[in-house]
Each structure stands twice: as C-alpha cells, then as structure tokens.
Amino acid sequence: RIEPVLILSSRHNAGGIDKAREEGISKRAMAVVQ
C-alpha cells in the first residue's frame, strides 16, 4: 500500500533528481531542501 508522493533532495545537483524524472515522478512531487 506504499505510494511514494515526495522525492526530497538535500542538493540541487543530485543525480537522483534526474533519475526520479526518468521514472515519471512529476515536478510537484519533488523538492530540494539544502
């Protein structure tokens, strides 16, 4: 029943941000907090 609704990165340049986009995660479900 788990649904990922937020990918939060501690770096603006994290490679995981691009991977999240590749997996179809929308911009509104991502955030950067440094």
PDB file of all heavy atoms in Angstrom:
ATOM      1  N   ARG A   1       0.805  -1.223   0.000  1.00  0.00           N
ATOM      2  CA  ARG A   1       0.000   0.000   0.000  1.00  0.00           C
ATOM      3  C   ARG A   1       0.840   1.276   0.000  1.00  0.00           C
ATOM      4  O   ARG A   1       0.297   2.372   0.061  1.00  0.00           O
ATOM      5  CB  ARG A   1      -0.925   0.004   1.223  1.00  0.00           C
ATOM      6  CG  ARG A   1      -1.956  -1.123   1.218  1.00  0.00           C
ATOM      7  CD  ARG A   1      -2.926  -0.984   2.367  1.00  0.00           C
ATOM      8  NE  ARG A   1      -2.265  -1.103   3.660  1.00  0.00           N
ATOM      9  CZ  ARG A   1      -2.301  -0.199   4.627  1.00  0.00           C
ATOM     10  NH1 ARG A   1      -2.944   0.939   4.447  1.00  0.00           N
ATOM     11  NH2 ARG A   1      -1.694  -0.410   5.782  1.00  0.00           N
ATOM     12  N   ILE A   2       2.156   1.135  -0.065  1.00  0.00           N
ATOM     13  CA  ILE A   2       3.028   2.311  -0.044  1.00  0.00           C
ATOM     14  C   ILE A   2       2.965   3.043  -1.377  1.00  0.00           C
ATOM     15  O   ILE A   2       3.083   2.436  -2.445  1.00  0.00           O
ATOM     16  CB  ILE A   2       4.485   1.909   0.249  1.00  0.00           C
ATOM     17  CG1 ILE A   2       4.608   1.327   1.653  1.00  0.00           C
ATOM     18  CG2 ILE A   2       5.427   3.106   0.083  1.00  0.00           C
ATOM     19  CD1 ILE A   2       4.322   2.297   2.778  1.00  0.00           C
ATOM     20  N   GLU A   3       2.818   4.361  -1.313  1.00  0.00           N
ATOM     21  CA  GLU A   3       2.843   5.211  -2.513  1.00  0.00           C
ATOM     22  C   GLU A   3       3.845   6.344  -2.307  1.00  0.00           C
ATOM     23  O   GLU A   3       3.633   7.211  -1.451  1.00  0.00           O
ATOM     24  CB  GLU A   3       1.465   5.798  -2.793  1.00  0.00           C
ATOM     25  CG  GLU A   3       1.447   6.704  -4.007  1.00  0.00           C
ATOM     26  CD  GLU A   3       0.078   7.305  -4.274  1.00  0.00           C
ATOM     27  OE1 GLU A   3      -0.809   7.173  -3.405  1.00  0.00           O
ATOM     28  OE2 GLU A   3      -0.091   7.911  -5.343  1.00  0.00           O
ATOM     29  N   PRO A   4       4.948   6.375  -3.057  1.00  0.00           N
ATOM     30  CA  PRO A   4       5.880   7.496  -2.947  1.00  0.00           C
ATOM     31  C   PRO A   4       5.238   8.782  -3.484  1.00  0.00           C
ATOM     32  O   PRO A   4       4.845   8.838  -4.653  1.00  0.00           O
ATOM     33  CB  PRO A   4       7.065   7.070  -3.816  1.00  0.00           C
ATOM     34  CG  PRO A   4       6.926   5.579  -3.958  1.00  0.00           C
ATOM     35  CD  PRO A   4       5.445   5.325  -3.953  1.00  0.00           C
ATOM     36  N   VAL A   5       5.125   9.787  -2.627  1.00  0.00           N
ATOM     37  CA  VAL A   5       4.480  11.050  -3.040  1.00  0.00           C
ATOM     38  C   VAL A   5       5.451  12.222  -2.984  1.00  0.00           C
ATOM     39  O   VAL A   5       5.109  13.326  -3.400  1.00  0.00           O
ATOM     40  CB  VAL A   5       3.252  11.360  -2.169  1.00  0.00           C
ATOM     41  CG1 VAL A   5       2.183  10.297  -2.347  1.00  0.00           C
ATOM     42  CG2 VAL A   5       3.633  11.514  -0.695  1.00  0.00           C
ATOM     43  N   LEU A   6       6.670  11.980  -2.483  1.00  0.00           N
ATOM     44  CA  LEU A   6       7.655  13.059  -2.400  1.00  0.00           C
ATOM     45  C   LEU A   6       9.062  12.487  -2.537  1.00  0.00           C
ATOM     46  O   LEU A   6       9.433  11.545  -1.840  1.00  0.00           O
ATOM     47  CB  LEU A   6       7.537  13.792  -1.055  1.00  0.00           C
ATOM     48  CG  LEU A   6       8.643  14.804  -0.729  1.00  0.00           C
ATOM     49  CD1 LEU A   6       8.650  15.948  -1.736  1.00  0.00           C
ATOM     50  CD2 LEU A   6       8.500  15.339   0.698  1.00  0.00           C
ATOM     51  N   ILE A   7       9.837  13.065  -3.459  1.00  0.00           N
ATOM     52  CA  ILE A   7      11.273  12.829  -3.545  1.00  0.00           C
ATOM     53  C   ILE A   7      11.936  14.134  -3.120  1.00  0.00           C
ATOM     54  O   ILE A   7      11.787  15.159  -3.795  1.00  0.00           O
ATOM     55  CB  ILE A   7      11.722  12.458  -4.974  1.00  0.00           C
ATOM     56  CG1 ILE A   7      10.911  11.273  -5.515  1.00  0.00           C
ATOM     57  CG2 ILE A   7      13.220  12.169  -4.990  1.00  0.00           C
ATOM     58  CD1 ILE A   7      11.049   9.998  -4.747  1.00  0.00           C
ATOM     59  N   LEU A   8      12.629  14.109  -1.990  1.00  0.00           N
ATOM     60  CA  LEU A   8      13.253  15.324  -1.467  1.00  0.00           C
ATOM     61  C   LEU A   8      14.764  15.153  -1.466  1.00  0.00           C
ATOM     62  O   LEU A   8      15.289  14.193  -0.900  1.00  0.00           O
ATOM     63  CB  LEU A   8      12.746  15.613  -0.054  1.00  0.00           C
ATOM     64  CG  LEU A   8      13.203  16.937   0.568  1.00  0.00           C
ATOM     65  CD1 LEU A   8      12.116  17.525   1.469  1.00  0.00           C
ATOM     66  CD2 LEU A   8      14.512  16.767   1.367  1.00  0.00           C
ATOM     67  N   SER A   9      15.450  16.083  -2.119  1.00  0.00           N
ATOM     68  CA  SER A   9      16.902  16.039  -2.218  1.00  0.00           C
ATOM     69  C   SER A   9      17.528  17.134  -1.358  1.00  0.00           C
ATOM     70  O   SER A   9      16.997  18.239  -1.258  1.00  0.00           O
ATOM     71  CB  SER A   9      17.347  16.224  -3.672  1.00  0.00           C
ATOM     72  OG  SER A   9      18.756  16.319  -3.754  1.00  0.00           O
ATOM     73  N   SER A  10      18.679  16.810  -0.771  1.00  0.00           N
ATOM     74  CA  SER A  10      19.415  17.813   0.001  1.00  0.00           C
ATOM     75  C   SER A  10      20.423  18.577  -0.857  1.00  0.00           C
ATOM     76  O   SER A  10      21.164  19.408  -0.339  1.00  0.00           O
ATOM     77  CB  SER A  10      20.149  17.143   1.174  1.00  0.00           C
ATOM     78  OG  SER A  10      21.180  16.292   0.704  1.00  0.00           O
ATOM     79  N   ARG A  11      20.431  18.298  -2.166  1.00  0.00           N
ATOM     80  CA  ARG A  11      21.323  19.015  -3.086  1.00  0.00           C
ATOM     81  C   ARG A  11      20.587  19.316  -4.391  1.00  0.00           C
ATOM     82  O   ARG A  11      19.886  18.452  -4.920  1.00  0.00           O
ATOM     83  CB  ARG A  11      22.570  18.185  -3.402  1.00  0.00           C
ATOM     84  CG  ARG A  11      23.526  17.987  -2.239  1.00  0.00           C
ATOM     85  CD  ARG A  11      24.703  17.124  -2.650  1.00  0.00           C
ATOM     86  NE  ARG A  11      25.601  16.848  -1.534  1.00  0.00           N
ATOM     87  CZ  ARG A  11      26.563  15.935  -1.554  1.00  0.00           C
ATOM     88  NH1 ARG A  11      26.734  15.189  -2.645  1.00  0.00           N
ATOM     89  NH2 ARG A  11      27.338  15.741  -0.493  1.00  0.00           N
ATOM     90  N   HIS A  12      20.811  20.518  -4.903  1.00  0.00           N
ATOM     91  CA  HIS A  12      20.192  20.885  -6.177  1.00  0.00           C
ATOM     92  C   HIS A  12      20.724  20.043  -7.337  1.00  0.00           C
ATOM     93  O   HIS A  12      20.005  19.803  -8.313  1.00  0.00           O
ATOM     94  CB  HIS A  12      20.444  22.370  -6.472  1.00  0.00           C
ATOM     95  CG  HIS A  12      19.485  23.294  -5.806  1.00  0.00           C
ATOM     96  ND1 HIS A  12      18.157  23.373  -6.153  1.00  0.00           N
ATOM     97  CD2 HIS A  12      19.665  24.169  -4.789  1.00  0.00           C
ATOM     98  CE1 HIS A  12      17.547  24.272  -5.403  1.00  0.00           C
ATOM     99  NE2 HIS A  12      18.429  24.772  -4.551  1.00  0.00           N
ATOM    100  N   ASN A  13      21.986  19.623  -7.231  1.00  0.00           N
ATOM    101  CA  ASN A  13      22.626  18.907  -8.346  1.00  0.00           C
ATOM    102  C   ASN A  13      22.676  17.404  -8.139  1.00  0.00           C
ATOM    103  O   ASN A  13      23.472  16.705  -8.773  1.00  0.00           O
ATOM    104  CB  ASN A  13      24.032  19.448  -8.579  1.00  0.00           C
ATOM    105  CG  ASN A  13      24.945  19.281  -7.356  1.00  0.00           C
ATOM    106  OD1 ASN A  13      24.474  18.917  -6.277  1.00  0.00           O
ATOM    107  ND2 ASN A  13      26.234  19.541  -7.526  1.00  0.00           N
ATOM    108  N   ALA A  14      21.856  16.867  -7.257  1.00  0.00           N
ATOM    109  CA  ALA A  14      21.863  15.421  -7.015  1.00  0.00           C
ATOM    110  C   ALA A  14      21.459  14.660  -8.273  1.00  0.00           C
ATOM    111  O   ALA A  14      20.463  14.995  -8.927  1.00  0.00           O
ATOM    112  CB  ALA A  14      20.919  15.078  -5.861  1.00  0.00           C
ATOM    113  N   GLY A  15      22.222  13.633  -8.594  1.00  0.00           N
ATOM    114  CA  GLY A  15      21.892  12.827  -9.762  1.00  0.00           C
ATOM    115  C   GLY A  15      20.553  12.130  -9.639  1.00  0.00           C
ATOM    116  O   GLY A  15      19.905  11.804 -10.644  1.00  0.00           O
ATOM    117  N   GLY A  16      20.109  11.903  -8.410  1.00  0.00           N
ATOM    118  CA  GLY A  16      18.829  11.244  -8.201  1.00  0.00           C
ATOM    119  C   GLY A  16      17.641  12.038  -8.706  1.00  0.00           C
ATOM    120  O   GLY A  16      16.587  11.462  -9.004  1.00  0.00           O
ATOM    121  N   ILE A  17      17.793  13.353  -8.830  1.00  0.00           N
ATOM    122  CA  ILE A  17      16.692  14.174  -9.347  1.00  0.00           C
ATOM    123  C   ILE A  17      16.376  13.774 -10.784  1.00  0.00           C
ATOM    124  O   ILE A  17      15.204  13.614 -11.162  1.00  0.00           O
ATOM    125  CB  ILE A  17      17.044  15.670  -9.243  1.00  0.00           C
ATOM    126  CG1 ILE A  17      17.156  16.082  -7.773  1.00  0.00           C
ATOM    127  CG2 ILE A  17      16.001  16.522  -9.965  1.00  0.00           C
ATOM    128  CD1 ILE A  17      17.641  17.501  -7.559  1.00  0.00           C
ATOM    129  N   ASP A  18      17.426  13.600 -11.593  1.00  0.00           N
ATOM    130  CA  ASP A  18      17.207  13.173 -12.985  1.00  0.00           C
ATOM    131  C   ASP A  18      16.631  11.759 -13.036  1.00  0.00           C
ATOM    132  O   ASP A  18      15.763  11.464 -13.873  1.00  0.00           O
ATOM    133  CB  ASP A  18      18.522  13.228 -13.769  1.00  0.00           C
ATOM    134  CG  ASP A  18      18.986  14.655 -14.031  1.00  0.00           C
ATOM    135  OD1 ASP A  18      18.127  15.552 -14.059  1.00  0.00           O
ATOM    136  OD2 ASP A  18      20.207  14.860 -14.188  1.00  0.00           O
ATOM    137  N   LYS A  19      17.093  10.886 -12.146  1.00  0.00           N
ATOM    138  CA  LYS A  19      16.554   9.524 -12.128  1.00  0.00           C
ATOM    139  C   LYS A  19      15.063   9.543 -11.776  1.00  0.00           C
ATOM    140  O   LYS A  19      14.269   8.772 -12.335  1.00  0.00           O
ATOM    141  CB  LYS A  19      17.318   8.656 -11.127  1.00  0.00           C
ATOM    142  CG  LYS A  19      18.723   8.250 -11.565  1.00  0.00           C
ATOM    143  CD  LYS A  19      19.321   7.277 -10.573  1.00  0.00           C
ATOM    144  CE  LYS A  19      20.684   6.770 -11.023  1.00  0.00           C
ATOM    145  NZ  LYS A  19      21.724   7.820 -10.950  1.00  0.00           N
ATOM    146  N   ALA A  20      14.675  10.403 -10.846  1.00  0.00           N
ATOM    147  CA  ALA A  20      13.259  10.491 -10.482  1.00  0.00           C
ATOM    148  C   ALA A  20      12.423  10.925 -11.679  1.00  0.00           C
ATOM    149  O   ALA A  20      11.331  10.390 -11.918  1.00  0.00           O
ATOM    150  CB  ALA A  20      13.078  11.458  -9.315  1.00  0.00           C
ATOM    151  N   ARG A  21      12.923  11.896 -12.423  1.00  0.00           N
ATOM    152  CA  ARG A  21      12.201  12.345 -13.624  1.00  0.00           C
ATOM    153  C   ARG A  21      12.097  11.207 -14.635  1.00  0.00           C
ATOM    154  O   ARG A  21      11.041  11.008 -15.259  1.00  0.00           O
ATOM    155  CB  ARG A  21      12.924  13.541 -14.255  1.00  0.00           C
ATOM    156  CG  ARG A  21      12.907  14.810 -13.413  1.00  0.00           C
ATOM    157  CD  ARG A  21      13.367  16.002 -14.232  1.00  0.00           C
ATOM    158  NE  ARG A  21      13.474  17.201 -13.437  1.00  0.00           N
ATOM    159  CZ  ARG A  21      14.628  17.774 -13.074  1.00  0.00           C
ATOM    160  NH1 ARG A  21      15.776  17.233 -13.458  1.00  0.00           N
ATOM    161  NH2 ARG A  21      14.627  18.869 -12.355  1.00  0.00           N
ATOM    162  N   GLU A  22      13.188  10.447 -14.798  1.00  0.00           N
ATOM    163  CA  GLU A  22      13.177   9.324 -15.737  1.00  0.00           C
ATOM    164  C   GLU A  22      12.137   8.286 -15.355  1.00  0.00           C
ATOM    165  O   GLU A  22      11.568   7.610 -16.233  1.00  0.00           O
ATOM    166  CB  GLU A  22      14.566   8.670 -15.781  1.00  0.00           C
ATOM    167  CG  GLU A  22      15.647   9.533 -16.411  1.00  0.00           C
ATOM    168  CD  GLU A  22      17.033   8.969 -16.176  1.00  0.00           C
ATOM    169  OE1 GLU A  22      17.126   7.842 -15.632  1.00  0.00           O
ATOM    170  OE2 GLU A  22      18.015   9.646 -16.525  1.00  0.00           O
ATOM    171  N   GLU A  23      11.875   8.161 -14.051  1.00  0.00           N
ATOM    172  CA  GLU A  23      10.887   7.190 -13.574  1.00  0.00           C
ATOM    173  C   GLU A  23       9.473   7.755 -13.558  1.00  0.00           C
ATOM    174  O   GLU A  23       8.542   7.107 -13.067  1.00  0.00           O
ATOM    175  CB  GLU A  23      11.266   6.690 -12.179  1.00  0.00           C
ATOM    176  CG  GLU A  23      12.600   5.957 -12.114  1.00  0.00           C
ATOM    177  CD  GLU A  23      12.641   4.738 -13.016  1.00  0.00           C
ATOM    178  OE1 GLU A  23      11.596   4.072 -13.185  1.00  0.00           O
ATOM    179  OE2 GLU A  23      13.728   4.441 -13.572  1.00  0.00           O
ATOM    180  N   GLY A  24       9.312   8.957 -14.085  1.00  0.00           N
ATOM    181  CA  GLY A  24       7.973   9.520 -14.234  1.00  0.00           C
ATOM    182  C   GLY A  24       7.470  10.331 -13.058  1.00  0.00           C
ATOM    183  O   GLY A  24       6.279  10.660 -12.998  1.00  0.00           O
ATOM    184  N   ILE A  25       8.344  10.679 -12.112  1.00  0.00           N
ATOM    185  CA  ILE A  25       7.928  11.487 -10.975  1.00  0.00           C
ATOM    186  C   ILE A  25       7.730  12.932 -11.427  1.00  0.00           C
ATOM    187  O   ILE A  25       8.607  13.520 -12.061  1.00  0.00           O
ATOM    188  CB  ILE A  25       8.959  11.410  -9.828  1.00  0.00           C
ATOM    189  CG1 ILE A  25       9.104   9.968  -9.355  1.00  0.00           C
ATOM    190  CG2 ILE A  25       8.554  12.325  -8.679  1.00  0.00           C
ATOM    191  CD1 ILE A  25       7.841   9.347  -8.823  1.00  0.00           C
ATOM    192  N   SER A  26       6.594  13.503 -11.111  1.00  0.00           N
ATOM    193  CA  SER A  26       6.278  14.858 -11.559  1.00  0.00           C
ATOM    194  C   SER A  26       7.037  15.899 -10.754  1.00  0.00           C
ATOM    195  O   SER A  26       7.486  15.642  -9.628  1.00  0.00           O
ATOM    196  CB  SER A  26       4.777  15.118 -11.432  1.00  0.00           C
ATOM    197  OG  SER A  26       4.394  15.125 -10.074  1.00  0.00           O
ATOM    198  N   LYS A  27       7.149  17.090 -11.305  1.00  0.00           N
ATOM    199  CA  LYS A  27       7.854  18.188 -10.640  1.00  0.00           C
ATOM    200  C   LYS A  27       7.207  18.515  -9.301  1.00  0.00           C
ATOM    201  O   LYS A  27       7.891  18.834  -8.332  1.00  0.00           O
ATOM    202  CB  LYS A  27       7.863  19.418 -11.547  1.00  0.00           C
ATOM    203  CG  LYS A  27       8.676  20.578 -10.998  1.00  0.00           C
ATOM    204  CD  LYS A  27       8.720  21.726 -11.997  1.00  0.00           C
ATOM    205  CE  LYS A  27       9.560  22.879 -11.449  1.00  0.00           C
ATOM    206  NZ  LYS A  27       9.626  24.006 -12.416  1.00  0.00           N
ATOM    207  N   ARG A  28       5.885  18.443  -9.226  1.00  0.00           N
ATOM    208  CA  ARG A  28       5.199  18.787  -7.977  1.00  0.00           C
ATOM    209  C   ARG A  28       5.450  17.768  -6.869  1.00  0.00           C
ATOM    210  O   ARG A  28       5.166  18.041  -5.697  1.00  0.00           O
ATOM    211  CB  ARG A  28       3.696  18.944  -8.219  1.00  0.00           C
ATOM    212  CG  ARG A  28       2.977  17.671  -8.617  1.00  0.00           C
ATOM    213  CD  ARG A  28       1.480  17.913  -8.806  1.00  0.00           C
ATOM    214  NE  ARG A  28       0.786  16.720  -9.230  1.00  0.00           N
ATOM    215  CZ  ARG A  28       0.651  16.325 -10.480  1.00  0.00           C
ATOM    216  NH1 ARG A  28       1.178  17.077 -11.457  1.00  0.00           N
ATOM    217  NH2 ARG A  28       0.002  15.224 -10.788  1.00  0.00           N
ATOM    218  N   ALA A  29       5.965  16.586  -7.230  1.00  0.00           N
ATOM    219  CA  ALA A  29       6.268  15.563  -6.227  1.00  0.00           C
ATOM    220  C   ALA A  29       7.742  15.562  -5.844  1.00  0.00           C
ATOM    221  O   ALA A  29       8.204  14.647  -5.158  1.00  0.00           O
ATOM    222  CB  ALA A  29       5.868  14.182  -6.739  1.00  0.00           C
ATOM    223  N   MET A  30       8.486  16.614  -6.259  1.00  0.00           N
ATOM    224  CA  MET A  30       9.905  16.714  -5.936  1.00  0.00           C
ATOM    225  C   MET A  30      10.186  18.036  -5.246  1.00  0.00           C
ATOM    226  O   MET A  30       9.501  19.035  -5.482  1.00  0.00           O
ATOM    227  CB  MET A  30      10.760  16.569  -7.196  1.00  0.00           C
ATOM    228  CG  MET A  30      10.718  15.172  -7.805  1.00  0.00           C
ATOM    229  SD  MET A  30      11.963  14.912  -9.099  1.00  0.00           S
ATOM    230  CE  MET A  30      11.201  15.782 -10.462  1.00  0.00           C
ATOM    231  N   ALA A  31      11.202  18.025  -4.390  1.00  0.00           N
ATOM    232  CA  ALA A  31      11.599  19.238  -3.679  1.00  0.00           C
ATOM    233  C   ALA A  31      13.083  19.157  -3.364  1.00  0.00           C
ATOM    234  O   ALA A  31      13.654  18.071  -3.262  1.00  0.00           O
ATOM    235  CB  ALA A  31      10.794  19.397  -2.397  1.00  0.00           C
ATOM    236  N   VAL A  32      13.705  20.324  -3.230  1.00  0.00           N
ATOM    237  CA  VAL A  32      15.103  20.421  -2.816  1.00  0.00           C
ATOM    238  C   VAL A  32      15.156  21.286  -1.563  1.00  0.00           C
ATOM    239  O   VAL A  32      14.659  22.406  -1.550  1.00  0.00           O
ATOM    240  CB  VAL A  32      15.983  21.039  -3.919  1.00  0.00           C
ATOM    241  CG1 VAL A  32      17.412  21.223  -3.408  1.00  0.00           C
ATOM    242  CG2 VAL A  32      15.970  20.167  -5.168  1.00  0.00           C
ATOM    243  N   VAL A  33      15.751  20.741  -0.505  1.00  0.00           N
ATOM    244  CA  VAL A  33      15.935  21.489   0.743  1.00  0.00           C
ATOM    245  C   VAL A  33      17.392  21.322   1.154  1.00  0.00           C
ATOM    246  O   VAL A  33      17.802  20.242   1.573  1.00  0.00           O
ATOM    247  CB  VAL A  33      14.997  20.980   1.863  1.00  0.00           C
ATOM    248  CG1 VAL A  33      15.228  21.778   3.145  1.00  0.00           C
ATOM    249  CG2 VAL A  33      13.538  21.073   1.436  1.00  0.00           C
ATOM    250  N   GLN A  34      18.180  22.381   0.993  1.00  0.00           N
ATOM    251  CA  GLN A  34      19.606  22.326   1.275  1.00  0.00           C
ATOM    252  C   GLN A  34      19.902  22.896   2.664  1.00  0.00           C
ATOM    253  O   GLN A  34      19.501  24.024   2.974  1.00  0.00           O
ATOM    254  CB  GLN A  34      20.393  23.115   0.229  1.00  0.00           C
ATOM    255  CG  GLN A  34      20.228  22.576  -1.189  1.00  0.00           C
ATOM    256  CD  GLN A  34      21.172  23.276  -2.149  1.00  0.00           C
ATOM    257  OE1 GLN A  34      21.999  22.631  -2.789  1.00  0.00           O
ATOM    258  NE2 GLN A  34      21.068  24.585  -2.264  1.00  0.00           N
TER     259      GLN A  34
END
